[in-house]
Each structure stands twice: as structure tokens, then as C-alpha cells.
Amino acid sequence: MAHKTLIYISVGITLLIAVVSLIPINQQINQQVSYLDKGVHVLMYFLLSFIWLITFRNTKNNVNYFYQILLLIALYGIIIEVLQEVLTTNRHGDLKDVIANVVGLIIAGIVYKQISKKN
């Protein structure tokens, strides 16, 4: 896949996560899916991290980009949680969501490293 296409996909997923995280939702639904929500966070941030890692896999200093990408995605997840608390009335920032996000990006990092070793 062309690098430019991967960038568009990566940016699109990043924006989609922001929109989905900040749109209003029914409070009853929010309370009923609290544990399922953590799995969704893990999956979203796994996908987000993995696609960004693939996008920059051919960078000259791959090791630095690997850690920088994961750090930036962790910060992105924290910013989204803060924005939920500050900008929305029926959504709230949650430390457990941040932890789930980090779990997702760590898993993505491990999977990416394993796949990279084989290639």
C-alpha cells in the first residue's frame, strides 16, 4: 500500500476516534456498557497504534519513531479523555479508559515488533 494512502487511513482513524469519543451518547447506554467499553478502547487504540506504526515502518530511524508514535498516541488518548470531561456534558474522562488505551497500544507495539522480526 502506498505511503500516502496509509497516511490518509491513519489520519482518518485518528479523527474517527476523536469524533466517536466526543459525540453525545445516551447516559443509560454509557452506564450499561462500562466493561465492554474498555475492550472497545483496547481495540481502537490497538488499531490506531498499529496503523501508525505501519505507516512509518520504513523510516530511517525506525526505533525512535516506534517509541515516539506510541508516546504520541498515549498522549492523544489522554487528551481525548480530558476533552470528554471539559467539552461534553454527558461524557466523562476516565482513568480506566486511559489504561485501556495504553494496553491497546502496548499490544499493538508487541504485535508490530513480532511481525517486523519475521520480515
N, C-alpha and C. Protein backbone atom coordinates (compact mmCIF):
# COMPACT_ATOMS: atom_id res chain seq x y z
N MET A 1 0.85 -1.17 0.00
CA MET A 1 0.00 0.00 0.00
C MET A 1 0.90 1.24 0.00
N ALA A 2 0.52 2.24 -0.75
CA ALA A 2 1.32 3.45 -0.87
C ALA A 2 1.34 4.21 0.45
N HIS A 3 2.48 4.83 0.72
CA HIS A 3 2.66 5.58 1.96
C HIS A 3 1.59 6.66 2.13
N LYS A 4 1.27 7.35 1.05
CA LYS A 4 0.28 8.43 1.11
C LYS A 4 -1.09 7.87 1.50
N THR A 5 -1.45 6.72 0.98
CA THR A 5 -2.71 6.08 1.33
C THR A 5 -2.73 5.70 2.80
N LEU A 6 -1.62 5.16 3.30
CA LEU A 6 -1.54 4.80 4.72
C LEU A 6 -1.69 6.03 5.61
N ILE A 7 -1.11 7.15 5.19
CA ILE A 7 -1.26 8.38 5.98
C ILE A 7 -2.73 8.79 6.03
N TYR A 8 -3.42 8.74 4.90
CA TYR A 8 -4.85 9.09 4.88
C TYR A 8 -5.65 8.16 5.79
N ILE A 9 -5.36 6.89 5.75
CA ILE A 9 -6.07 5.92 6.60
C ILE A 9 -5.77 6.21 8.07
N SER A 10 -4.50 6.46 8.40
CA SER A 10 -4.11 6.74 9.78
C SER A 10 -4.78 8.00 10.31
N VAL A 11 -4.76 9.04 9.52
CA VAL A 11 -5.40 10.30 9.93
C VAL A 11 -6.91 10.09 10.06
N GLY A 12 -7.50 9.35 9.13
CA GLY A 12 -8.93 9.08 9.19
C GLY A 12 -9.33 8.33 10.45
N ILE A 13 -8.57 7.31 10.81
CA ILE A 13 -8.86 6.56 12.04
C ILE A 13 -8.68 7.45 13.26
N THR A 14 -7.65 8.28 13.24
CA THR A 14 -7.41 9.20 14.36
C THR A 14 -8.60 10.15 14.53
N LEU A 15 -9.07 10.72 13.44
CA LEU A 15 -10.21 11.64 13.51
C LEU A 15 -11.50 10.91 13.90
N LEU A 16 -11.67 9.70 13.38
CA LEU A 16 -12.86 8.91 13.72
C LEU A 16 -12.93 8.63 15.22
N ILE A 17 -11.80 8.29 15.81
CA ILE A 17 -11.76 8.03 17.25
C ILE A 17 -12.12 9.29 18.02
N ALA A 18 -11.63 10.44 17.58
CA ALA A 18 -11.96 11.70 18.25
C ALA A 18 -13.46 11.98 18.17
N VAL A 19 -14.04 11.81 16.99
CA VAL A 19 -15.47 12.07 16.82
C VAL A 19 -16.30 11.11 17.67
N VAL A 20 -15.99 9.82 17.57
CA VAL A 20 -16.75 8.82 18.33
C VAL A 20 -16.61 9.05 19.84
N SER A 21 -15.46 9.53 20.26
CA SER A 21 -15.21 9.75 21.68
C SER A 21 -15.88 11.01 22.21
N LEU A 22 -16.19 11.95 21.34
CA LEU A 22 -16.71 13.23 21.80
C LEU A 22 -18.18 13.48 21.47
N ILE A 23 -18.80 12.62 20.66
CA ILE A 23 -20.22 12.82 20.35
C ILE A 23 -21.05 12.45 21.58
N PRO A 24 -22.17 13.12 21.76
CA PRO A 24 -23.04 12.79 22.90
C PRO A 24 -23.62 11.39 22.77
N ILE A 25 -23.74 10.71 23.89
CA ILE A 25 -24.39 9.40 23.91
C ILE A 25 -25.40 9.37 25.05
N ASN A 26 -26.33 8.46 24.95
CA ASN A 26 -27.33 8.29 25.98
C ASN A 26 -26.65 7.81 27.26
N GLN A 27 -26.89 8.48 28.38
CA GLN A 27 -26.22 8.15 29.65
C GLN A 27 -26.52 6.73 30.11
N GLN A 28 -27.74 6.23 29.86
CA GLN A 28 -28.08 4.86 30.25
C GLN A 28 -27.22 3.86 29.50
N ILE A 29 -27.02 4.09 28.22
CA ILE A 29 -26.16 3.21 27.42
C ILE A 29 -24.75 3.26 27.97
N ASN A 30 -24.27 4.46 28.30
CA ASN A 30 -22.92 4.64 28.82
C ASN A 30 -22.69 3.82 30.08
N GLN A 31 -23.67 3.76 30.97
CA GLN A 31 -23.52 3.01 32.21
C GLN A 31 -23.62 1.51 31.99
N GLN A 32 -24.41 1.07 31.03
CA GLN A 32 -24.63 -0.35 30.80
C GLN A 32 -23.45 -1.05 30.12
N VAL A 33 -22.64 -0.33 29.40
CA VAL A 33 -21.57 -0.95 28.64
C VAL A 33 -20.19 -0.60 29.19
N SER A 34 -20.09 -0.33 30.48
CA SER A 34 -18.84 0.16 31.03
C SER A 34 -17.68 -0.82 30.85
N TYR A 35 -17.90 -2.13 31.03
CA TYR A 35 -16.80 -3.08 30.87
C TYR A 35 -16.55 -3.39 29.40
N LEU A 36 -17.61 -3.48 28.62
CA LEU A 36 -17.47 -3.66 27.18
C LEU A 36 -16.70 -2.47 26.59
N ASP A 37 -16.95 -1.30 27.14
CA ASP A 37 -16.28 -0.08 26.68
C ASP A 37 -14.76 -0.20 26.79
N LYS A 38 -14.27 -0.83 27.82
CA LYS A 38 -12.81 -0.95 27.99
C LYS A 38 -12.21 -1.82 26.87
N GLY A 39 -12.92 -2.87 26.49
CA GLY A 39 -12.48 -3.70 25.38
C GLY A 39 -12.48 -2.92 24.07
N VAL A 40 -13.47 -2.07 23.90
CA VAL A 40 -13.53 -1.22 22.70
C VAL A 40 -12.35 -0.26 22.68
N HIS A 41 -12.01 0.29 23.84
CA HIS A 41 -10.84 1.18 23.92
C HIS A 41 -9.56 0.43 23.55
N VAL A 42 -9.39 -0.75 24.08
CA VAL A 42 -8.20 -1.56 23.75
C VAL A 42 -8.15 -1.78 22.24
N LEU A 43 -9.25 -2.18 21.65
CA LEU A 43 -9.29 -2.46 20.22
C LEU A 43 -9.03 -1.21 19.38
N MET A 44 -9.66 -0.09 19.74
CA MET A 44 -9.47 1.15 18.98
C MET A 44 -8.01 1.60 19.01
N TYR A 45 -7.41 1.56 20.18
CA TYR A 45 -6.04 2.06 20.29
C TYR A 45 -5.02 1.05 19.78
N PHE A 46 -5.38 -0.22 19.76
CA PHE A 46 -4.55 -1.21 19.07
C PHE A 46 -4.52 -0.87 17.59
N LEU A 47 -5.70 -0.71 17.00
CA LEU A 47 -5.80 -0.40 15.57
C LEU A 47 -5.10 0.92 15.25
N LEU A 48 -5.36 1.94 16.03
CA LEU A 48 -4.75 3.25 15.80
C LEU A 48 -3.22 3.15 15.85
N SER A 49 -2.70 2.51 16.86
CA SER A 49 -1.25 2.38 17.01
C SER A 49 -0.65 1.56 15.90
N PHE A 50 -1.28 0.44 15.60
CA PHE A 50 -0.74 -0.46 14.59
C PHE A 50 -0.68 0.20 13.22
N ILE A 51 -1.74 0.91 12.84
CA ILE A 51 -1.74 1.54 11.52
C ILE A 51 -0.71 2.66 11.44
N TRP A 52 -0.52 3.42 12.53
CA TRP A 52 0.52 4.46 12.52
C TRP A 52 1.91 3.83 12.47
N LEU A 53 2.12 2.74 13.18
CA LEU A 53 3.42 2.06 13.13
C LEU A 53 3.71 1.54 11.72
N ILE A 54 2.70 0.98 11.07
CA ILE A 54 2.89 0.51 9.70
C ILE A 54 3.18 1.68 8.76
N THR A 55 2.49 2.77 8.98
CA THR A 55 2.67 3.95 8.13
C THR A 55 4.13 4.42 8.13
N PHE A 56 4.78 4.34 9.29
CA PHE A 56 6.16 4.84 9.40
C PHE A 56 7.20 3.73 9.51
N ARG A 57 6.86 2.53 9.06
CA ARG A 57 7.78 1.39 9.22
C ARG A 57 9.06 1.53 8.41
N ASN A 58 9.05 2.27 7.34
CA ASN A 58 10.24 2.41 6.51
C ASN A 58 11.04 3.66 6.82
N THR A 59 10.80 4.26 7.96
CA THR A 59 11.54 5.44 8.37
C THR A 59 12.97 5.06 8.72
N LYS A 60 13.92 5.92 8.40
CA LYS A 60 15.33 5.60 8.62
C LYS A 60 15.63 5.23 10.07
N ASN A 61 15.15 6.01 11.01
CA ASN A 61 15.40 5.73 12.43
C ASN A 61 14.14 5.12 13.04
N ASN A 62 13.84 3.89 12.63
CA ASN A 62 12.61 3.21 12.99
C ASN A 62 12.42 3.08 14.50
N VAL A 63 13.49 2.85 15.26
CA VAL A 63 13.36 2.65 16.70
C VAL A 63 12.81 3.90 17.37
N ASN A 64 13.37 5.06 17.03
CA ASN A 64 12.87 6.30 17.63
C ASN A 64 11.43 6.57 17.24
N TYR A 65 11.08 6.34 15.97
CA TYR A 65 9.71 6.56 15.54
C TYR A 65 8.75 5.61 16.25
N PHE A 66 9.17 4.40 16.47
CA PHE A 66 8.34 3.42 17.17
C PHE A 66 7.90 3.97 18.53
N TYR A 67 8.86 4.41 19.33
CA TYR A 67 8.53 4.92 20.66
C TYR A 67 7.82 6.27 20.61
N GLN A 68 8.19 7.10 19.65
CA GLN A 68 7.53 8.41 19.52
C GLN A 68 6.06 8.25 19.13
N ILE A 69 5.79 7.34 18.21
CA ILE A 69 4.41 7.10 17.80
C ILE A 69 3.58 6.60 18.98
N LEU A 70 4.10 5.64 19.71
CA LEU A 70 3.36 5.10 20.84
C LEU A 70 3.15 6.16 21.93
N LEU A 71 4.15 6.97 22.17
CA LEU A 71 4.01 8.05 23.16
C LEU A 71 2.96 9.06 22.70
N LEU A 72 3.01 9.46 21.44
CA LEU A 72 2.04 10.43 20.93
C LEU A 72 0.61 9.87 20.99
N ILE A 73 0.45 8.60 20.71
CA ILE A 73 -0.89 8.01 20.78
C ILE A 73 -1.36 7.93 22.23
N ALA A 74 -0.47 7.64 23.15
CA ALA A 74 -0.85 7.65 24.57
C ALA A 74 -1.29 9.07 24.98
N LEU A 75 -0.55 10.07 24.56
CA LEU A 75 -0.93 11.46 24.86
C LEU A 75 -2.26 11.82 24.20
N TYR A 76 -2.45 11.36 22.99
CA TYR A 76 -3.71 11.59 22.27
C TYR A 76 -4.88 11.02 23.08
N GLY A 77 -4.73 9.81 23.59
CA GLY A 77 -5.78 9.19 24.39
C GLY A 77 -6.08 9.98 25.66
N ILE A 78 -5.03 10.49 26.29
CA ILE A 78 -5.22 11.31 27.50
C ILE A 78 -5.95 12.60 27.13
N ILE A 79 -5.56 13.23 26.04
CA ILE A 79 -6.21 14.48 25.60
C ILE A 79 -7.69 14.24 25.30
N ILE A 80 -8.00 13.14 24.65
CA ILE A 80 -9.40 12.82 24.37
C ILE A 80 -10.19 12.69 25.66
N GLU A 81 -9.62 12.02 26.65
CA GLU A 81 -10.32 11.86 27.94
C GLU A 81 -10.52 13.21 28.63
N VAL A 82 -9.53 14.07 28.57
CA VAL A 82 -9.66 15.42 29.15
C VAL A 82 -10.74 16.20 28.40
N LEU A 83 -10.75 16.11 27.08
CA LEU A 83 -11.76 16.80 26.29
C LEU A 83 -13.17 16.28 26.60
N GLN A 84 -13.29 14.99 26.85
CA GLN A 84 -14.60 14.44 27.25
C GLN A 84 -15.08 15.10 28.54
N GLU A 85 -14.17 15.29 29.44
CA GLU A 85 -14.51 15.89 30.74
C GLU A 85 -14.85 17.37 30.59
N VAL A 86 -14.11 18.07 29.75
CA VAL A 86 -14.22 19.52 29.66
C VAL A 86 -15.28 19.97 28.65
N LEU A 87 -15.37 19.30 27.51
CA LEU A 87 -16.21 19.78 26.42
C LEU A 87 -17.60 19.16 26.35
N THR A 88 -17.79 18.00 26.96
CA THR A 88 -19.08 17.33 26.84
C THR A 88 -19.83 17.37 28.16
N THR A 89 -21.15 17.28 28.06
CA THR A 89 -21.95 17.32 29.28
C THR A 89 -22.35 15.93 29.77
N ASN A 90 -22.41 14.96 28.86
CA ASN A 90 -22.83 13.63 29.29
C ASN A 90 -21.76 12.56 29.11
N ARG A 91 -20.54 12.98 28.86
CA ARG A 91 -19.41 12.05 28.79
C ARG A 91 -18.39 12.51 29.81
N HIS A 92 -17.64 11.58 30.34
CA HIS A 92 -16.67 11.93 31.37
C HIS A 92 -15.34 11.24 31.09
N GLY A 93 -14.26 11.96 31.36
CA GLY A 93 -12.94 11.37 31.26
C GLY A 93 -12.81 10.27 32.30
N ASP A 94 -12.06 9.23 31.96
CA ASP A 94 -11.96 8.08 32.85
C ASP A 94 -10.54 7.53 32.80
N LEU A 95 -9.91 7.42 33.96
CA LEU A 95 -8.57 6.87 34.05
C LEU A 95 -8.52 5.43 33.53
N LYS A 96 -9.60 4.68 33.75
CA LYS A 96 -9.65 3.30 33.25
C LYS A 96 -9.64 3.26 31.73
N ASP A 97 -10.23 4.26 31.10
CA ASP A 97 -10.18 4.35 29.64
C ASP A 97 -8.75 4.62 29.17
N VAL A 98 -8.05 5.48 29.88
CA VAL A 98 -6.65 5.77 29.54
C VAL A 98 -5.82 4.50 29.67
N ILE A 99 -6.05 3.74 30.73
CA ILE A 99 -5.32 2.48 30.93
C ILE A 99 -5.64 1.51 29.80
N ALA A 100 -6.92 1.40 29.42
CA ALA A 100 -7.31 0.52 28.31
C ALA A 100 -6.65 0.97 27.01
N ASN A 101 -6.58 2.28 26.79
CA ASN A 101 -5.92 2.80 25.59
C ASN A 101 -4.45 2.38 25.56
N VAL A 102 -3.79 2.52 26.69
CA VAL A 102 -2.36 2.17 26.79
C VAL A 102 -2.17 0.66 26.59
N VAL A 103 -3.07 -0.14 27.14
CA VAL A 103 -2.99 -1.59 26.93
C VAL A 103 -3.09 -1.89 25.43
N GLY A 104 -4.01 -1.24 24.74
CA GLY A 104 -4.16 -1.45 23.30
C GLY A 104 -2.92 -1.07 22.53
N LEU A 105 -2.31 0.05 22.88
CA LEU A 105 -1.12 0.46 22.13
C LEU A 105 0.09 -0.39 22.48
N ILE A 106 0.18 -0.89 23.68
CA ILE A 106 1.27 -1.81 24.04
C ILE A 106 1.14 -3.12 23.26
N ILE A 107 -0.08 -3.64 23.19
CA ILE A 107 -0.30 -4.87 22.43
C ILE A 107 0.06 -4.64 20.96
N ALA A 108 -0.34 -3.49 20.42
CA ALA A 108 -0.01 -3.17 19.03
C ALA A 108 1.51 -3.11 18.84
N GLY A 109 2.20 -2.51 19.79
CA GLY A 109 3.66 -2.44 19.71
C GLY A 109 4.31 -3.81 19.72
N ILE A 110 3.81 -4.69 20.57
CA ILE A 110 4.35 -6.05 20.65
C ILE A 110 4.08 -6.81 19.36
N VAL A 111 2.84 -6.73 18.87
CA VAL A 111 2.48 -7.43 17.63
C VAL A 111 3.31 -6.89 16.47
N TYR A 112 3.45 -5.57 16.39
CA TYR A 112 4.23 -4.95 15.32
C TYR A 112 5.69 -5.43 15.36
N LYS A 113 6.28 -5.46 16.56
CA LYS A 113 7.67 -5.92 16.70
C LYS A 113 7.80 -7.38 16.28
N GLN A 114 6.86 -8.22 16.66
CA GLN A 114 6.91 -9.63 16.30
C GLN A 114 6.81 -9.81 14.78
N ILE A 115 5.91 -9.09 14.17
CA ILE A 115 5.75 -9.17 12.72
C ILE A 115 6.99 -8.62 12.03
N SER A 116 7.56 -7.54 12.55
CA SER A 116 8.75 -6.93 11.95
C SER A 116 9.95 -7.88 12.02
N LYS A 117 10.06 -8.66 13.09
CA LYS A 117 11.16 -9.63 13.21
C LYS A 117 11.10 -10.69 12.13
N LYS A 118 9.89 -11.10 11.77
CA LYS A 118 9.70 -12.15 10.76
C LYS A 118 10.00 -11.66 9.36
N ASN A 119 9.89 -10.35 9.14
CA ASN A 119 10.10 -9.80 7.78
C ASN A 119 11.49 -9.36 7.59
